[in-house]
PDB file of N, CA and C in Angstrom:
ATOM      1  N   MET A   1       5.597 -12.268 -23.516  1.00  0.00           N
ATOM      2  CA  MET A   1       5.061 -11.778 -22.085  1.00  0.00           C
ATOM      3  C   MET A   1       6.133 -11.147 -21.478  1.00  0.00           C
ATOM      4  N   THR A   2       5.942  -9.912 -20.821  1.00  0.00           N
ATOM      5  CA  THR A   2       6.868  -9.343 -19.922  1.00  0.00           C
ATOM      6  C   THR A   2       6.528  -9.434 -18.589  1.00  0.00           C
ATOM      7  N   ILE A   3       7.553 -10.049 -17.782  1.00  0.00           N
ATOM      8  CA  ILE A   3       7.296 -10.096 -16.334  1.00  0.00           C
ATOM      9  C   ILE A   3       7.889  -9.027 -15.444  1.00  0.00           C
ATOM     10  N   THR A   4       7.146  -8.233 -14.807  1.00  0.00           N
ATOM     11  CA  THR A   4       7.752  -7.272 -13.987  1.00  0.00           C
ATOM     12  C   THR A   4       8.178  -7.446 -12.545  1.00  0.00           C
ATOM     13  N   TYR A   5       9.456  -7.303 -12.321  1.00  0.00           N
ATOM     14  CA  TYR A   5      10.043  -7.650 -11.114  1.00  0.00           C
ATOM     15  C   TYR A   5       9.508  -6.745  -9.919  1.00  0.00           C
ATOM     16  N   ARG A   6       9.045  -7.325  -8.815  1.00  0.00           N
ATOM     17  CA  ARG A   6       8.481  -6.414  -7.838  1.00  0.00           C
ATOM     18  C   ARG A   6       9.468  -6.885  -6.482  1.00  0.00           C
ATOM     19  N   PRO A   7      10.102  -5.787  -5.950  1.00  0.00           N
ATOM     20  CA  PRO A   7      10.946  -6.074  -4.758  1.00  0.00           C
ATOM     21  C   PRO A   7      10.173  -6.060  -3.461  1.00  0.00           C
ATOM     22  N   LEU A   8       9.495  -7.383  -3.408  1.00  0.00           N
ATOM     23  CA  LEU A   8       8.719  -7.640  -2.059  1.00  0.00           C
ATOM     24  C   LEU A   8       9.371  -7.597  -0.792  1.00  0.00           C
ATOM     25  N   GLY A   9      10.683  -8.011  -0.649  1.00  0.00           N
ATOM     26  CA  GLY A   9      11.943  -7.962   0.375  1.00  0.00           C
ATOM     27  C   GLY A   9      11.840  -6.419   0.763  1.00  0.00           C
ATOM     28  N   LYS A  10      12.205  -5.710   0.114  1.00  0.00           N
ATOM     29  CA  LYS A  10      12.187  -4.266   0.415  1.00  0.00           C
ATOM     30  C   LYS A  10      10.898  -3.821   0.706  1.00  0.00           C
ATOM     31  N   ILE A  11       9.884  -3.974   0.309  1.00  0.00           N
ATOM     32  CA  ILE A  11       8.651  -3.345   0.398  1.00  0.00           C
ATOM     33  C   ILE A  11       8.165  -4.092   1.932  1.00  0.00           C
ATOM     34  N   ARG A  12       8.462  -5.348   2.279  1.00  0.00           N
ATOM     35  CA  ARG A  12       8.292  -5.997   3.415  1.00  0.00           C
ATOM     36  C   ARG A  12       9.109  -5.127   4.603  1.00  0.00           C
ATOM     37  N   ASN A  13      10.232  -4.741   4.319  1.00  0.00           N
ATOM     38  CA  ASN A  13      11.125  -3.887   5.299  1.00  0.00           C
ATOM     39  C   ASN A  13      10.402  -2.592   5.485  1.00  0.00           C
ATOM     40  N   ILE A  14       9.992  -2.000   4.560  1.00  0.00           N
ATOM     41  CA  ILE A  14       9.400  -0.619   4.627  1.00  0.00           C
ATOM     42  C   ILE A  14       7.975  -0.936   5.441  1.00  0.00           C
ATOM     43  N   VAL A  15       7.260  -1.982   5.149  1.00  0.00           N
ATOM     44  CA  VAL A  15       5.988  -2.086   5.818  1.00  0.00           C
ATOM     45  C   VAL A  15       6.248  -2.445   7.363  1.00  0.00           C
ATOM     46  N   GLN A  16       6.985  -3.405   7.579  1.00  0.00           N
ATOM     47  CA  GLN A  16       7.412  -3.813   8.972  1.00  0.00           C
ATOM     48  C   GLN A  16       7.991  -2.811   9.761  1.00  0.00           C
ATOM     49  N   SER A  17       8.316  -1.649   9.351  1.00  0.00           N
ATOM     50  CA  SER A  17       8.738  -0.508  10.174  1.00  0.00           C
ATOM     51  C   SER A  17       7.684   0.213  10.892  1.00  0.00           C
ATOM     52  N   THR A  18       6.489  -0.256  10.619  1.00  0.00           N
ATOM     53  CA  THR A  18       5.338   0.439  11.035  1.00  0.00           C
ATOM     54  C   THR A  18       4.783  -0.513  12.166  1.00  0.00           C
ATOM     55  N   GLY A  19       5.212  -1.694  12.249  1.00  0.00           N
ATOM     56  CA  GLY A  19       4.664  -2.782  13.027  1.00  0.00           C
ATOM     57  C   GLY A  19       3.691  -3.751  12.532  1.00  0.00           C
ATOM     58  N   PHE A  20       3.518  -3.349  11.037  1.00  0.00           N
ATOM     59  CA  PHE A  20       2.609  -4.300  10.272  1.00  0.00           C
ATOM     60  C   PHE A  20       3.467  -5.145   9.549  1.00  0.00           C
ATOM     61  N   ASP A  21       2.664  -6.022   8.855  1.00  0.00           N
ATOM     62  CA  ASP A  21       3.401  -7.000   7.886  1.00  0.00           C
ATOM     63  C   ASP A  21       2.462  -7.000   6.567  1.00  0.00           C
ATOM     64  N   ILE A  22       3.158  -7.645   5.844  1.00  0.00           N
ATOM     65  CA  ILE A  22       2.237  -7.888   4.263  1.00  0.00           C
ATOM     66  C   ILE A  22       1.242  -9.070   4.652  1.00  0.00           C
ATOM     67  N   SER A  23       0.238  -8.885   4.365  1.00  0.00           N
ATOM     68  CA  SER A  23      -0.881  -9.803   4.449  1.00  0.00           C
ATOM     69  C   SER A  23      -1.099 -10.587   3.031  1.00  0.00           C
ATOM     70  N   TYR A  24      -1.066  -9.802   1.912  1.00  0.00           N
ATOM     71  CA  TYR A  24      -1.373 -10.013   0.790  1.00  0.00           C
ATOM     72  C   TYR A  24      -0.821  -9.118  -0.459  1.00  0.00           C
ATOM     73  N   ALA A  25      -0.380 -10.009  -1.443  1.00  0.00           N
ATOM     74  CA  ALA A  25       0.344  -9.122  -2.434  1.00  0.00           C
ATOM     75  C   ALA A  25      -0.267  -9.783  -3.825  1.00  0.00           C
ATOM     76  N   TYR A  26      -0.650  -8.802  -4.675  1.00  0.00           N
ATOM     77  CA  TYR A  26      -1.254  -9.193  -5.816  1.00  0.00           C
ATOM     78  C   TYR A  26      -0.756  -8.089  -7.137  1.00  0.00           C
ATOM     79  N   ASP A  27      -0.213  -8.606  -8.051  1.00  0.00           N
ATOM     80  CA  ASP A  27       0.312  -7.812  -8.935  1.00  0.00           C
ATOM     81  C   ASP A  27       1.066  -6.544  -8.610  1.00  0.00           C
ATOM     82  N   ASP A  28       0.456  -5.316  -8.637  1.00  0.00           N
ATOM     83  CA  ASP A  28       1.065  -4.397  -8.224  1.00  0.00           C
ATOM     84  C   ASP A  28       0.650  -3.695  -6.787  1.00  0.00           C
ATOM     85  N   LEU A  29      -0.130  -4.610  -6.324  1.00  0.00           N
ATOM     86  CA  LEU A  29      -0.797  -4.066  -4.860  1.00  0.00           C
ATOM     87  C   LEU A  29      -0.024  -4.782  -3.662  1.00  0.00           C
ATOM     88  N   VAL A  30       0.108  -4.359  -2.589  1.00  0.00           N
ATOM     89  CA  VAL A  30       0.636  -5.048  -1.302  1.00  0.00           C
ATOM     90  C   VAL A  30      -0.266  -4.606  -0.255  1.00  0.00           C
ATOM     91  N   PHE A  31      -0.978  -5.145   0.347  1.00  0.00           N
ATOM     92  CA  PHE A  31      -1.734  -5.127   1.293  1.00  0.00           C
ATOM     93  C   PHE A  31      -1.196  -5.332   2.838  1.00  0.00           C
ATOM     94  N   SER A  32      -1.309  -4.413   3.630  1.00  0.00           N
ATOM     95  CA  SER A  32      -0.939  -4.476   4.980  1.00  0.00           C
ATOM     96  C   SER A  32      -1.749  -5.468   5.715  1.00  0.00           C
ATOM     97  N   ASP A  33      -1.390  -6.023   6.958  1.00  0.00           N
ATOM     98  CA  ASP A  33      -2.226  -6.597   7.861  1.00  0.00           C
ATOM     99  C   ASP A  33      -3.604  -5.865   8.119  1.00  0.00           C
ATOM    100  N   ASN A  34      -4.550  -6.590   8.109  1.00  0.00           N
ATOM    101  CA  ASN A  34      -5.853  -5.758   8.468  1.00  0.00           C
ATOM    102  C   ASN A  34      -6.402  -4.686   7.437  1.00  0.00           C
ATOM    103  N   SER A  35      -5.625  -4.858   6.158  1.00  0.00           N
ATOM    104  CA  SER A  35      -5.899  -3.782   5.219  1.00  0.00           C
ATOM    105  C   SER A  35      -5.966  -2.478   5.704  1.00  0.00           C
ATOM    106  N   VAL A  36      -4.951  -2.023   6.387  1.00  0.00           N
ATOM    107  CA  VAL A  36      -4.798  -0.785   7.009  1.00  0.00           C
ATOM    108  C   VAL A  36      -4.627   0.210   6.050  1.00  0.00           C
ATOM    109  N   PHE A  37      -3.375  -0.236   5.047  1.00  0.00           N
ATOM    110  CA  PHE A  37      -3.007   0.502   3.952  1.00  0.00           C
ATOM    111  C   PHE A  37      -2.776  -0.325   2.900  1.00  0.00           C
ATOM    112  N   ILE A  38      -2.557   0.307   1.679  1.00  0.00           N
ATOM    113  CA  ILE A  38      -2.006  -0.584   0.473  1.00  0.00           C
ATOM    114  C   ILE A  38      -1.073   0.201  -0.110  1.00  0.00           C
ATOM    115  N   ILE A  39      -0.068  -0.452  -0.640  1.00  0.00           N
ATOM    116  CA  ILE A  39       1.128   0.240  -1.349  1.00  0.00           C
ATOM    117  C   ILE A  39       1.005  -0.448  -2.864  1.00  0.00           C
ATOM    118  N   GLN A  40       1.005   0.324  -3.591  1.00  0.00           N
ATOM    119  CA  GLN A  40       1.063   0.058  -5.181  1.00  0.00           C
ATOM    120  C   GLN A  40       2.131   0.544  -5.738  1.00  0.00           C
ATOM    121  N   PHE A  41       2.712  -0.298  -6.467  1.00  0.00           N
ATOM    122  CA  PHE A  41       3.894  -0.091  -7.499  1.00  0.00           C
ATOM    123  C   PHE A  41       3.671   0.996  -8.392  1.00  0.00           C
ATOM    124  N   ASP A  42       4.419   1.778  -8.744  1.00  0.00           N
ATOM    125  CA  ASP A  42       4.339   2.640 -10.204  1.00  0.00           C
ATOM    126  C   ASP A  42       4.861   1.930 -11.373  1.00  0.00           C
ATOM    127  N   ASP A  43       3.995   1.589 -12.279  1.00  0.00           N
ATOM    128  CA  ASP A  43       4.767   0.838 -13.399  1.00  0.00           C
ATOM    129  C   ASP A  43       5.700   1.626 -14.218  1.00  0.00           C
ATOM    130  N   TYR A  44       5.788   2.929 -14.137  1.00  0.00           N
ATOM    131  CA  TYR A  44       6.608   3.804 -14.921  1.00  0.00           C
ATOM    132  C   TYR A  44       7.964   4.052 -14.142  1.00  0.00           C
ATOM    133  N   ASN A  45       7.861   4.192 -12.785  1.00  0.00           N
ATOM    134  CA  ASN A  45       9.033   4.609 -12.098  1.00  0.00           C
ATOM    135  C   ASN A  45       9.039   3.678 -10.851  1.00  0.00           C
ATOM    136  N   MET A  46      10.034   2.895 -10.971  1.00  0.00           N
ATOM    137  CA  MET A  46       9.971   1.767 -10.124  1.00  0.00           C
ATOM    138  C   MET A  46      10.539   2.105  -8.731  1.00  0.00           C
ATOM    139  N   SER A  47      10.945   3.288  -8.639  1.00  0.00           N
ATOM    140  CA  SER A  47      11.509   3.766  -7.207  1.00  0.00           C
ATOM    141  C   SER A  47      10.294   4.620  -6.697  1.00  0.00           C
ATOM    142  N   LYS A  48       9.075   4.596  -7.208  1.00  0.00           N
ATOM    143  CA  LYS A  48       7.801   5.367  -6.579  1.00  0.00           C
ATOM    144  C   LYS A  48       6.787   4.309  -6.266  1.00  0.00           C
ATOM    145  N   LEU A  49       6.442   4.361  -5.153  1.00  0.00           N
ATOM    146  CA  LEU A  49       5.188   3.894  -4.521  1.00  0.00           C
ATOM    147  C   LEU A  49       4.177   4.743  -4.111  1.00  0.00           C
ATOM    148  N   HIS A  50       2.837   4.209  -4.455  1.00  0.00           N
ATOM    149  CA  HIS A  50       1.656   4.925  -4.285  1.00  0.00           C
ATOM    150  C   HIS A  50       1.127   4.291  -2.830  1.00  0.00           C
ATOM    151  N   LEU A  51       0.597   5.206  -1.973  1.00  0.00           N
ATOM    152  CA  LEU A  51      -0.037   4.699  -0.553  1.00  0.00           C
ATOM    153  C   LEU A  51      -1.495   5.303  -0.373  1.00  0.00           C
ATOM    154  N   TYR A  52      -2.318   4.248  -0.152  1.00  0.00           N
ATOM    155  CA  TYR A  52      -3.584   4.427   0.036  1.00  0.00           C
ATOM    156  C   TYR A  52      -3.838   4.093   1.490  1.00  0.00           C
ATOM    157  N   PHE A  53      -4.802   4.785   2.268  1.00  0.00           N
ATOM    158  CA  PHE A  53      -5.151   4.136   3.686  1.00  0.00           C
ATOM    159  C   PHE A  53      -6.544   3.847   3.206  1.00  0.00           C
ATOM    160  N   ASN A  54      -6.967   2.884   4.380  1.00  0.00           N
ATOM    161  CA  ASN A  54      -8.373   2.373   4.552  1.00  0.00           C
ATOM    162  C   ASN A  54      -9.217   3.601   4.845  1.00  0.00           C
ATOM    163  N   THR A  55     -10.276   3.667   4.496  1.00  0.00           N
ATOM    164  CA  THR A  55     -11.047   4.976   4.996  1.00  0.00           C
ATOM    165  C   THR A  55     -11.665   4.757   6.380  1.00  0.00           C
ATOM    166  N   ASP A  56     -11.496   3.523   6.969  1.00  0.00           N
ATOM    167  CA  ASP A  56     -11.700   3.264   8.347  1.00  0.00           C
ATOM    168  C   ASP A  56     -10.656   3.533   9.052  1.00  0.00           C
ATOM    169  N   CYS A  57      -9.366   3.880   8.727  1.00  0.00           N
ATOM    170  CA  CYS A  57      -8.179   4.138   9.524  1.00  0.00           C
ATOM    171  C   CYS A  57      -8.233   5.516  10.279  1.00  0.00           C
ATOM    172  N   ASP A  58      -8.112   5.534  11.249  1.00  0.00           N
ATOM    173  CA  ASP A  58      -8.227   6.819  12.369  1.00  0.00           C
ATOM    174  C   ASP A  58      -6.998   7.799  11.670  1.00  0.00           C
ATOM    175  N   LYS A  59      -7.339   9.046  11.489  1.00  0.00           N
ATOM    176  CA  LYS A  59      -6.427  10.055  10.856  1.00  0.00           C
ATOM    177  C   LYS A  59      -5.190  10.410  11.691  1.00  0.00           C
ATOM    178  N   ILE A  60      -5.349  10.078  13.065  1.00  0.00           N
ATOM    179  CA  ILE A  60      -3.963  10.487  13.653  1.00  0.00           C
ATOM    180  C   ILE A  60      -3.010   9.250  13.536  1.00  0.00           C
ATOM    181  N   GLU A  61      -3.538   8.019  13.553  1.00  0.00           N
ATOM    182  CA  GLU A  61      -2.913   6.707  13.127  1.00  0.00           C
ATOM    183  C   GLU A  61      -2.325   7.021  11.651  1.00  0.00           C
ATOM    184  N   MET A  62      -3.129   7.417  10.983  1.00  0.00           N
ATOM    185  CA  MET A  62      -2.643   7.506   9.489  1.00  0.00           C
ATOM    186  C   MET A  62      -1.565   8.369   9.425  1.00  0.00           C
ATOM    187  N   LEU A  63      -1.429   9.354   9.832  1.00  0.00           N
ATOM    188  CA  LEU A  63      -0.511  10.430   9.924  1.00  0.00           C
ATOM    189  C   LEU A  63       0.872   9.640  10.454  1.00  0.00           C
ATOM    190  N   LYS A  64       0.778   9.002  11.586  1.00  0.00           N
ATOM    191  CA  LYS A  64       2.058   8.125  12.377  1.00  0.00           C
ATOM    192  C   LYS A  64       2.518   7.209  11.371  1.00  0.00           C
ATOM    193  N   ILE A  65       1.646   6.351  10.663  1.00  0.00           N
ATOM    194  CA  ILE A  65       2.085   5.308   9.823  1.00  0.00           C
ATOM    195  C   ILE A  65       2.603   5.787   8.383  1.00  0.00           C
ATOM    196  N   GLU A  66       2.143   6.867   8.001  1.00  0.00           N
ATOM    197  CA  GLU A  66       2.500   7.743   6.839  1.00  0.00           C
ATOM    198  C   GLU A  66       4.192   7.957   7.091  1.00  0.00           C
ATOM    199  N   GLN A  67       4.349   8.572   8.309  1.00  0.00           N
ATOM    200  CA  GLN A  67       5.603   9.180   8.653  1.00  0.00           C
ATOM    201  C   GLN A  67       6.692   8.000   8.444  1.00  0.00           C
ATOM    202  N   GLU A  68       6.159   7.006   9.153  1.00  0.00           N
ATOM    203  CA  GLU A  68       7.090   5.686   9.374  1.00  0.00           C
ATOM    204  C   GLU A  68       7.290   5.265   8.021  1.00  0.00           C
ATOM    205  N   LEU A  69       6.427   5.092   7.076  1.00  0.00           N
ATOM    206  CA  LEU A  69       6.368   4.574   5.714  1.00  0.00           C
ATOM    207  C   LEU A  69       7.528   5.642   5.127  1.00  0.00           C
ATOM    208  N   MET A  70       7.358   6.690   5.176  1.00  0.00           N
ATOM    209  CA  MET A  70       8.355   7.578   4.279  1.00  0.00           C
ATOM    210  C   MET A  70       9.747   7.493   4.548  1.00  0.00           C
ATOM    211  N   LYS A  71       9.971   7.371   6.347  1.00  0.00           N
ATOM    212  CA  LYS A  71      11.319   7.371   6.755  1.00  0.00           C
ATOM    213  C   LYS A  71      11.972   5.999   5.886  1.00  0.00           C
ATOM    214  N   ALA A  72      11.235   5.049   6.287  1.00  0.00           N
ATOM    215  CA  ALA A  72      11.813   3.527   5.840  1.00  0.00           C
ATOM    216  C   ALA A  72      11.980   3.301   4.338  1.00  0.00           C
ATOM    217  N   SER A  73      10.883   4.192   3.740  1.00  0.00           N
ATOM    218  CA  SER A  73      11.184   3.871   2.187  1.00  0.00           C
ATOM    219  C   SER A  73      12.197   4.616   1.513  1.00  0.00           C
ATOM    220  N   LYS A  74      12.839   5.593   2.434  1.00  0.00           N
ATOM    221  CA  LYS A  74      14.189   6.369   1.958  1.00  0.00           C
ATOM    222  C   LYS A  74      15.245   5.422   2.144  1.00  0.00           C
ATOM    223  N   ILE A  75      15.328   4.777   3.165  1.00  0.00           N
ATOM    224  CA  ILE A  75      16.246   3.668   3.554  1.00  0.00           C
ATOM    225  C   ILE A  75      16.473   2.565   2.252  1.00  0.00           C
ATOM    226  N   GLU A  76      15.300   2.086   1.728  1.00  0.00           N
ATOM    227  CA  GLU A  76      15.292   1.421   0.730  1.00  0.00           C
ATOM    228  C   GLU A  76      15.196   1.730  -0.701  1.00  0.00           C
ATOM    229  N   ASP A  77      15.408   3.148  -0.710  1.00  0.00           N
ATOM    230  CA  ASP A  77      15.673   3.932  -2.070  1.00  0.00           C
ATOM    231  C   ASP A  77      14.220   3.903  -2.763  1.00  0.00           C
ATOM    232  N   PHE A  78      13.077   4.306  -2.073  1.00  0.00           N
ATOM    233  CA  PHE A  78      11.970   4.491  -2.627  1.00  0.00           C
ATOM    234  C   PHE A  78      11.346   5.714  -2.315  1.00  0.00           C
ATOM    235  N   THR A  79      10.464   6.225  -2.826  1.00  0.00           N
ATOM    236  CA  THR A  79       9.619   7.341  -2.482  1.00  0.00           C
ATOM    237  C   THR A  79       8.276   7.115  -2.442  1.00  0.00           C
ATOM    238  N   ILE A  80       7.634   7.378  -1.349  1.00  0.00           N
ATOM    239  CA  ILE A  80       6.097   6.940  -1.160  1.00  0.00           C
ATOM    240  C   ILE A  80       5.312   8.354  -1.152  1.00  0.00           C
ATOM    241  N   ILE A  81       4.184   8.171  -2.154  1.00  0.00           N
ATOM    242  CA  ILE A  81       3.282   9.227  -2.372  1.00  0.00           C
ATOM    243  C   ILE A  81       2.059   8.834  -1.828  1.00  0.00           C
ATOM    244  N   ASN A  82       1.257   9.721  -0.983  1.00  0.00           N
ATOM    245  CA  ASN A  82       0.067   9.413  -0.407  1.00  0.00           C
ATOM    246  C   ASN A  82      -0.911   9.891  -1.576  1.00  0.00           C
ATOM    247  N   LYS A  83      -1.776   8.892  -2.051  1.00  0.00           N
ATOM    248  CA  LYS A  83      -2.430   9.141  -3.055  1.00  0.00           C
ATOM    249  C   LYS A  83      -3.895   9.408  -2.707  1.00  0.00           C
ATOM    250  N   GLY A  84      -4.273   8.822  -1.438  1.00  0.00           N
ATOM    251  CA  GLY A  84      -5.720   9.200  -1.092  1.00  0.00           C
ATOM    252  C   GLY A  84      -6.278   7.785  -0.003  1.00  0.00           C
ATOM    253  N   LEU A  85      -7.573   7.619  -0.332  1.00  0.00           N
ATOM    254  CA  LEU A  85      -8.180   6.439   0.678  1.00  0.00           C
ATOM    255  C   LEU A  85      -8.706   5.312  -0.442  1.00  0.00           C
ATOM    256  N   PHE A  86      -8.987   4.053   0.276  1.00  0.00           N
ATOM    257  CA  PHE A  86      -9.582   3.073  -0.449  1.00  0.00           C
ATOM    258  C   PHE A  86     -10.591   2.479   0.546  1.00  0.00           C
ATOM    259  N   SER A  87     -11.744   1.849  -0.076  1.00  0.00           N
ATOM    260  CA  SER A  87     -12.424   1.048   0.749  1.00  0.00           C
ATOM    261  C   SER A  87     -12.499  -0.484   0.163  1.00  0.00           C
ATOM    262  N   LEU A  88     -12.754  -1.381   0.763  1.00  0.00           N
ATOM    263  CA  LEU A  88     -13.038  -2.732   0.426  1.00  0.00           C
ATOM    264  C   LEU A  88     -14.546  -3.113   0.428  1.00  0.00           C
ATOM    265  N   GLU A  89     -15.201  -3.587  -0.528  1.00  0.00           N
ATOM    266  CA  GLU A  89     -16.639  -4.179  -0.571  1.00  0.00           C
ATOM    267  C   GLU A  89     -16.632  -5.415  -1.067  1.00  0.00           C
ATOM    268  N   GLN A  90     -17.564  -6.311  -0.598  1.00  0.00           N
ATOM    269  CA  GLN A  90     -17.860  -7.497  -1.018  1.00  0.00           C
ATOM    270  C   GLN A  90     -18.723  -7.341  -2.104  1.00  0.00           C
ATOM    271  N   VAL A  91     -18.226  -8.147  -3.259  1.00  0.00           N
ATOM    272  CA  VAL A  91     -19.115  -8.291  -4.389  1.00  0.00           C
ATOM    273  C   VAL A  91     -20.361  -9.341  -4.029  1.00  0.00           C
ATOM    274  N   ASP A  92     -21.395  -8.704  -4.410  1.00  0.00           N
ATOM    275  CA  ASP A  92     -22.851  -9.598  -4.127  1.00  0.00           C
ATOM    276  C   ASP A  92     -23.000 -10.796  -4.934  1.00  0.00           C
ATOM    277  N   GLY A  93     -23.116 -11.956  -4.054  1.00  0.00           N
ATOM    278  CA  GLY A  93     -23.034 -13.280  -4.639  1.00  0.00           C
ATOM    279  C   GLY A  93     -22.085 -13.660  -5.137  1.00  0.00           C
ATOM    280  N   LYS A  94     -20.787 -13.222  -4.834  1.00  0.00           N
ATOM    281  CA  LYS A  94     -19.595 -13.611  -5.182  1.00  0.00           C
ATOM    282  C   LYS A  94     -18.648 -13.855  -4.010  1.00  0.00           C
ATOM    283  N   ASP A  95     -17.305 -14.718  -3.979  1.00  0.00           N
ATOM    284  CA  ASP A  95     -16.565 -14.676  -3.071  1.00  0.00           C
ATOM    285  C   ASP A  95     -15.391 -13.710  -3.762  1.00  0.00           C
ATOM    286  N   GLU A  96     -15.772 -12.572  -3.769  1.00  0.00           N
ATOM    287  CA  GLU A  96     -14.827 -11.534  -4.551  1.00  0.00           C
ATOM    288  C   GLU A  96     -14.629 -10.259  -3.524  1.00  0.00           C
ATOM    289  N   ILE A  97     -13.794  -9.533  -3.577  1.00  0.00           N
ATOM    290  CA  ILE A  97     -13.841  -8.229  -2.806  1.00  0.00           C
ATOM    291  C   ILE A  97     -13.489  -7.238  -3.947  1.00  0.00           C
ATOM    292  N   SER A  98     -14.303  -6.066  -3.949  1.00  0.00           N
ATOM    293  CA  SER A  98     -13.997  -4.956  -4.715  1.00  0.00           C
ATOM    294  C   SER A  98     -13.242  -3.833  -4.065  1.00  0.00           C
ATOM    295  N   ILE A  99     -12.291  -3.180  -4.635  1.00  0.00           N
ATOM    296  CA  ILE A  99     -11.421  -2.156  -4.190  1.00  0.00           C
ATOM    297  C   ILE A  99     -11.883  -1.004  -4.842  1.00  0.00           C
ATOM    298  N   ARG A 100     -12.036   0.219  -4.004  1.00  0.00           N
ATOM    299  CA  ARG A 100     -12.508   1.457  -4.401  1.00  0.00           C
ATOM    300  C   ARG A 100     -11.478   2.319  -4.072  1.00  0.00           C
ATOM    301  N   PHE A 101     -10.921   3.020  -4.947  1.00  0.00           N
ATOM    302  CA  PHE A 101      -9.899   4.021  -4.867  1.00  0.00           C
ATOM    303  C   PHE A 101     -10.345   5.502  -4.844  1.00  0.00           C
ATOM    304  N   GLN A 102     -10.094   6.263  -3.803  1.00  0.00           N
ATOM    305  CA  GLN A 102     -10.570   7.638  -3.704  1.00  0.00           C
ATOM    306  C   GLN A 102      -9.299   8.470  -3.724  1.00  0.00           C
ATOM    307  N   GLU A 103      -8.554   8.887  -4.865  1.00  0.00           N
ATOM    308  CA  GLU A 103      -7.478   9.664  -4.911  1.00  0.00           C
ATOM    309  C   GLU A 103      -7.770  10.989  -4.633  1.00  0.00           C
ATOM    310  N   ASP A 104      -6.802  11.599  -3.949  1.00  0.00           N
ATOM    311  CA  ASP A 104      -6.860  13.134  -3.756  1.00  0.00           C
ATOM    312  C   ASP A 104      -6.697  13.928  -4.525  1.00  0.00           C
ATOM    313  N   ASN A 105      -5.843  13.656  -5.698  1.00  0.00           N
ATOM    314  CA  ASN A 105      -5.323  14.663  -6.763  1.00  0.00           C
ATOM    315  C   ASN A 105      -6.292  14.448  -7.866  1.00  0.00           C
TER     316      ASN A 105
END
């Protein structure tokens, strides 16, 4: 079994540049406070990060946050690529959340 190292300290620095913090991290996904955005690690290029915004996020705020994330990611030697939007849905009858990604490309 191979364990993949995820540099969460560097990602925390990137996320905190926006005034948010990490609320949850699971495997290759890092959720910001209030699930405003998700950062996903790229399994093939460790210096690349994928960015998804919550469908409920205001478009103007989205642009401001994206600019801050891109600026901070360069300092930490990462490249952030905006991949699109996501939404969270409660799974009927279960204590689970489903994530739906809506990629732009």
